[in-house]
Amino acid sequence: MAYKINDACVSCGACEPECPVSCISEGDNIYVIDPNVCIDCGACAAVCPVGAPNPA
């Protein structure tokens, strides 16, 4: 099950460099996770200051 970034995202970018498979990118308003690449490791959730990434 891939992670998904919810609307709480403040676009700080802390999650992007932590992803071991580079599936996080900057979207129009918030960062987004490619569910086809996400390995469900939770690295993004561990560094997010607002808890935006959650299991989808």
PDB file of N, CA and C in Angstrom:
ATOM      1  N   MET A   1       0.858  -1.186   0.000  1.00  0.00           N
ATOM      2  CA  MET A   1       0.000   0.000   0.000  1.00  0.00           C
ATOM      3  C   MET A   1       0.898   1.242   0.000  1.00  0.00           C
ATOM      4  N   ALA A   2       0.730   2.102  -0.954  1.00  0.00           N
ATOM      5  CA  ALA A   2       1.542   3.309  -1.078  1.00  0.00           C
ATOM      6  C   ALA A   2       1.095   4.378  -0.094  1.00  0.00           C
ATOM      7  N   TYR A   3       2.005   5.289   0.197  1.00  0.00           N
ATOM      8  CA  TYR A   3       1.665   6.446   1.017  1.00  0.00           C
ATOM      9  C   TYR A   3       1.056   7.511   0.114  1.00  0.00           C
ATOM     10  N   LYS A   4       0.305   8.419   0.721  1.00  0.00           N
ATOM     11  CA  LYS A   4      -0.294   9.541   0.007  1.00  0.00           C
ATOM     12  C   LYS A   4      -0.112  10.771   0.877  1.00  0.00           C
ATOM     13  N   ILE A   5       0.160  11.906   0.263  1.00  0.00           N
ATOM     14  CA  ILE A   5       0.329  13.160   0.997  1.00  0.00           C
ATOM     15  C   ILE A   5      -1.002  13.889   0.996  1.00  0.00           C
ATOM     16  N   ASN A   6      -1.491  14.222   2.196  1.00  0.00           N
ATOM     17  CA  ASN A   6      -2.797  14.884   2.299  1.00  0.00           C
ATOM     18  C   ASN A   6      -2.669  16.409   2.251  1.00  0.00           C
ATOM     19  N   ASP A   7      -3.793  17.090   2.360  1.00  0.00           N
ATOM     20  CA  ASP A   7      -3.842  18.547   2.236  1.00  0.00           C
ATOM     21  C   ASP A   7      -3.159  19.305   3.363  1.00  0.00           C
ATOM     22  N   ALA A   8      -2.701  18.614   4.392  1.00  0.00           N
ATOM     23  CA  ALA A   8      -1.976  19.273   5.481  1.00  0.00           C
ATOM     24  C   ALA A   8      -0.571  19.690   5.036  1.00  0.00           C
ATOM     25  N   CYS A   9      -0.135  19.176   3.888  1.00  0.00           N
ATOM     26  CA  CYS A   9       1.208  19.466   3.360  1.00  0.00           C
ATOM     27  C   CYS A   9       1.429  20.972   3.245  1.00  0.00           C
ATOM     28  N   VAL A  10       2.594  21.429   3.743  1.00  0.00           N
ATOM     29  CA  VAL A  10       2.947  22.848   3.663  1.00  0.00           C
ATOM     30  C   VAL A  10       4.053  23.092   2.630  1.00  0.00           C
ATOM     31  N   SER A  11       4.317  22.083   1.800  1.00  0.00           N
ATOM     32  CA  SER A  11       5.312  22.165   0.720  1.00  0.00           C
ATOM     33  C   SER A  11       6.702  22.572   1.207  1.00  0.00           C
ATOM     34  N   CYS A  12       7.103  22.036   2.358  1.00  0.00           N
ATOM     35  CA  CYS A  12       8.424  22.355   2.898  1.00  0.00           C
ATOM     36  C   CYS A  12       9.531  21.583   2.188  1.00  0.00           C
ATOM     37  N   GLY A  13       9.183  20.440   1.589  1.00  0.00           N
ATOM     38  CA  GLY A  13      10.153  19.658   0.850  1.00  0.00           C
ATOM     39  C   GLY A  13      10.998  18.707   1.680  1.00  0.00           C
ATOM     40  N   ALA A  14      10.725  18.578   2.968  1.00  0.00           N
ATOM     41  CA  ALA A  14      11.525  17.701   3.833  1.00  0.00           C
ATOM     42  C   ALA A  14      11.439  16.244   3.411  1.00  0.00           C
ATOM     43  N   CYS A  15      10.314  15.837   2.866  1.00  0.00           N
ATOM     44  CA  CYS A  15      10.091  14.435   2.506  1.00  0.00           C
ATOM     45  C   CYS A  15      10.837  13.995   1.259  1.00  0.00           C
ATOM     46  N   GLU A  16      10.953  14.874   0.291  1.00  0.00           N
ATOM     47  CA  GLU A  16      11.493  14.487  -1.015  1.00  0.00           C
ATOM     48  C   GLU A  16      12.888  13.852  -0.944  1.00  0.00           C
ATOM     49  N   PRO A  17      13.866  14.442  -0.273  1.00  0.00           N
ATOM     50  CA  PRO A  17      15.195  13.814  -0.251  1.00  0.00           C
ATOM     51  C   PRO A  17      15.271  12.545   0.595  1.00  0.00           C
ATOM     52  N   GLU A  18      14.297  12.308   1.442  1.00  0.00           N
ATOM     53  CA  GLU A  18      14.298  11.124   2.295  1.00  0.00           C
ATOM     54  C   GLU A  18      13.797   9.869   1.594  1.00  0.00           C
ATOM     55  N   CYS A  19      13.102  10.021   0.485  1.00  0.00           N
ATOM     56  CA  CYS A  19      12.521   8.877  -0.218  1.00  0.00           C
ATOM     57  C   CYS A  19      13.613   8.066  -0.910  1.00  0.00           C
ATOM     58  N   PRO A  20      13.751   6.776  -0.535  1.00  0.00           N
ATOM     59  CA  PRO A  20      14.809   5.952  -1.139  1.00  0.00           C
ATOM     60  C   PRO A  20      14.554   5.564  -2.595  1.00  0.00           C
ATOM     61  N   VAL A  21      13.335   5.721  -3.083  1.00  0.00           N
ATOM     62  CA  VAL A  21      13.032   5.375  -4.472  1.00  0.00           C
ATOM     63  C   VAL A  21      12.632   6.591  -5.308  1.00  0.00           C
ATOM     64  N   SER A  22      12.806   7.778  -4.756  1.00  0.00           N
ATOM     65  CA  SER A  22      12.546   9.034  -5.464  1.00  0.00           C
ATOM     66  C   SER A  22      11.153   9.116  -6.073  1.00  0.00           C
ATOM     67  N   CYS A  23      10.143   8.740  -5.303  1.00  0.00           N
ATOM     68  CA  CYS A  23       8.776   8.778  -5.835  1.00  0.00           C
ATOM     69  C   CYS A  23       8.014  10.038  -5.419  1.00  0.00           C
ATOM     70  N   ILE A  24       8.659  10.957  -4.714  1.00  0.00           N
ATOM     71  CA  ILE A  24       8.006  12.183  -4.264  1.00  0.00           C
ATOM     72  C   ILE A  24       8.457  13.345  -5.140  1.00  0.00           C
ATOM     73  N   SER A  25       7.484  14.138  -5.586  1.00  0.00           N
ATOM     74  CA  SER A  25       7.801  15.305  -6.397  1.00  0.00           C
ATOM     75  C   SER A  25       6.890  16.458  -5.996  1.00  0.00           C
ATOM     76  N   GLU A  26       7.291  17.654  -6.387  1.00  0.00           N
ATOM     77  CA  GLU A  26       6.506  18.841  -6.068  1.00  0.00           C
ATOM     78  C   GLU A  26       5.344  18.936  -7.040  1.00  0.00           C
ATOM     79  N   GLY A  27       4.125  18.966  -6.492  1.00  0.00           N
ATOM     80  CA  GLY A  27       2.934  19.113  -7.315  1.00  0.00           C
ATOM     81  C   GLY A  27       2.557  20.574  -7.453  1.00  0.00           C
ATOM     82  N   ASP A  28       1.346  20.842  -7.878  1.00  0.00           N
ATOM     83  CA  ASP A  28       0.890  22.219  -8.047  1.00  0.00           C
ATOM     84  C   ASP A  28       0.830  22.968  -6.719  1.00  0.00           C
ATOM     85  N   ASN A  29       0.225  22.344  -5.711  1.00  0.00           N
ATOM     86  CA  ASN A  29       0.068  23.010  -4.417  1.00  0.00           C
ATOM     87  C   ASN A  29       0.747  22.276  -3.272  1.00  0.00           C
ATOM     88  N   ILE A  30       0.903  20.974  -3.407  1.00  0.00           N
ATOM     89  CA  ILE A  30       1.518  20.154  -2.380  1.00  0.00           C
ATOM     90  C   ILE A  30       2.426  19.121  -3.039  1.00  0.00           C
ATOM     91  N   TYR A  31       3.254  18.469  -2.244  1.00  0.00           N
ATOM     92  CA  TYR A  31       4.079  17.390  -2.781  1.00  0.00           C
ATOM     93  C   TYR A  31       3.192  16.178  -3.032  1.00  0.00           C
ATOM     94  N   VAL A  32       3.581  15.353  -3.990  1.00  0.00           N
ATOM     95  CA  VAL A  32       2.795  14.174  -4.352  1.00  0.00           C
ATOM     96  C   VAL A  32       3.697  12.943  -4.400  1.00  0.00           C
ATOM     97  N   ILE A  33       3.100  11.788  -4.156  1.00  0.00           N
ATOM     98  CA  ILE A  33       3.804  10.515  -4.183  1.00  0.00           C
ATOM     99  C   ILE A  33       3.260   9.688  -5.341  1.00  0.00           C
ATOM    100  N   ASP A  34       4.162   9.138  -6.143  1.00  0.00           N
ATOM    101  CA  ASP A  34       3.763   8.252  -7.232  1.00  0.00           C
ATOM    102  C   ASP A  34       3.465   6.883  -6.617  1.00  0.00           C
ATOM    103  N   PRO A  35       2.201   6.477  -6.579  1.00  0.00           N
ATOM    104  CA  PRO A  35       1.840   5.217  -5.922  1.00  0.00           C
ATOM    105  C   PRO A  35       2.394   3.976  -6.623  1.00  0.00           C
ATOM    106  N   ASN A  36       2.773   4.118  -7.882  1.00  0.00           N
ATOM    107  CA  ASN A  36       3.329   2.988  -8.625  1.00  0.00           C
ATOM    108  C   ASN A  36       4.798   2.735  -8.287  1.00  0.00           C
ATOM    109  N   VAL A  37       5.437   3.696  -7.621  1.00  0.00           N
ATOM    110  CA  VAL A  37       6.851   3.583  -7.284  1.00  0.00           C
ATOM    111  C   VAL A  37       7.050   3.449  -5.771  1.00  0.00           C
ATOM    112  N   CYS A  38       6.153   3.997  -4.987  1.00  0.00           N
ATOM    113  CA  CYS A  38       6.250   3.979  -3.522  1.00  0.00           C
ATOM    114  C   CYS A  38       6.385   2.550  -2.991  1.00  0.00           C
ATOM    115  N   ILE A  39       7.344   2.348  -2.069  1.00  0.00           N
ATOM    116  CA  ILE A  39       7.567   1.023  -1.484  1.00  0.00           C
ATOM    117  C   ILE A  39       7.028   0.930  -0.058  1.00  0.00           C
ATOM    118  N   ASP A  40       6.244   1.924   0.374  1.00  0.00           N
ATOM    119  CA  ASP A  40       5.577   1.884   1.674  1.00  0.00           C
ATOM    120  C   ASP A  40       6.564   1.801   2.845  1.00  0.00           C
ATOM    121  N   CYS A  41       7.681   2.519   2.751  1.00  0.00           N
ATOM    122  CA  CYS A  41       8.697   2.450   3.801  1.00  0.00           C
ATOM    123  C   CYS A  41       8.425   3.410   4.958  1.00  0.00           C
ATOM    124  N   GLY A  42       7.690   4.508   4.705  1.00  0.00           N
ATOM    125  CA  GLY A  42       7.361   5.460   5.752  1.00  0.00           C
ATOM    126  C   GLY A  42       8.435   6.497   6.043  1.00  0.00           C
ATOM    127  N   ALA A  43       9.503   6.529   5.254  1.00  0.00           N
ATOM    128  CA  ALA A  43      10.572   7.504   5.478  1.00  0.00           C
ATOM    129  C   ALA A  43      10.049   8.933   5.373  1.00  0.00           C
ATOM    130  N   CYS A  44       9.135   9.163   4.466  1.00  0.00           N
ATOM    131  CA  CYS A  44       8.568  10.506   4.291  1.00  0.00           C
ATOM    132  C   CYS A  44       7.767  10.931   5.519  1.00  0.00           C
ATOM    133  N   ALA A  45       6.995  10.008   6.043  1.00  0.00           N
ATOM    134  CA  ALA A  45       6.166  10.311   7.216  1.00  0.00           C
ATOM    135  C   ALA A  45       7.018  10.608   8.438  1.00  0.00           C
ATOM    136  N   ALA A  46       8.165   9.961   8.536  1.00  0.00           N
ATOM    137  CA  ALA A  46       9.035  10.142   9.694  1.00  0.00           C
ATOM    138  C   ALA A  46       9.634  11.544   9.771  1.00  0.00           C
ATOM    139  N   VAL A  47       9.794  12.213   8.629  1.00  0.00           N
ATOM    140  CA  VAL A  47      10.418  13.541   8.636  1.00  0.00           C
ATOM    141  C   VAL A  47       9.431  14.689   8.431  1.00  0.00           C
ATOM    142  N   CYS A  48       8.195  14.383   8.117  1.00  0.00           N
ATOM    143  CA  CYS A  48       7.212  15.438   7.842  1.00  0.00           C
ATOM    144  C   CYS A  48       6.830  16.174   9.128  1.00  0.00           C
ATOM    145  N   PRO A  49       6.977  17.503   9.150  1.00  0.00           N
ATOM    146  CA  PRO A  49       6.655  18.251  10.366  1.00  0.00           C
ATOM    147  C   PRO A  49       5.156  18.388  10.641  1.00  0.00           C
ATOM    148  N   VAL A  50       4.310  18.111   9.634  1.00  0.00           N
ATOM    149  CA  VAL A  50       2.865  18.259   9.825  1.00  0.00           C
ATOM    150  C   VAL A  50       2.104  16.941   9.663  1.00  0.00           C
ATOM    151  N   GLY A  51       2.806  15.840   9.474  1.00  0.00           N
ATOM    152  CA  GLY A  51       2.152  14.532   9.361  1.00  0.00           C
ATOM    153  C   GLY A  51       1.325  14.342   8.118  1.00  0.00           C
ATOM    154  N   ALA A  52       1.739  14.969   7.011  1.00  0.00           N
ATOM    155  CA  ALA A  52       0.943  14.884   5.782  1.00  0.00           C
ATOM    156  C   ALA A  52       0.981  13.523   5.085  1.00  0.00           C
ATOM    157  N   PRO A  53       2.127  12.832   5.039  1.00  0.00           N
ATOM    158  CA  PRO A  53       2.121  11.511   4.378  1.00  0.00           C
ATOM    159  C   PRO A  53       1.474  10.451   5.258  1.00  0.00           C
ATOM    160  N   ASN A  54       0.551   9.717   4.684  1.00  0.00           N
ATOM    161  CA  ASN A  54      -0.150   8.648   5.396  1.00  0.00           C
ATOM    162  C   ASN A  54      -0.352   7.470   4.465  1.00  0.00           C
ATOM    163  N   PRO A  55      -0.471   6.257   5.028  1.00  0.00           N
ATOM    164  CA  PRO A  55      -0.770   5.111   4.169  1.00  0.00           C
ATOM    165  C   PRO A  55      -2.095   5.327   3.442  1.00  0.00           C
ATOM    166  N   ALA A  56      -2.092   5.076   2.160  1.00  0.00           N
ATOM    167  CA  ALA A  56      -3.306   5.299   1.363  1.00  0.00           C
ATOM    168  C   ALA A  56      -4.338   4.238   1.590  1.00  0.00           C
TER     169      ALA A  56
END
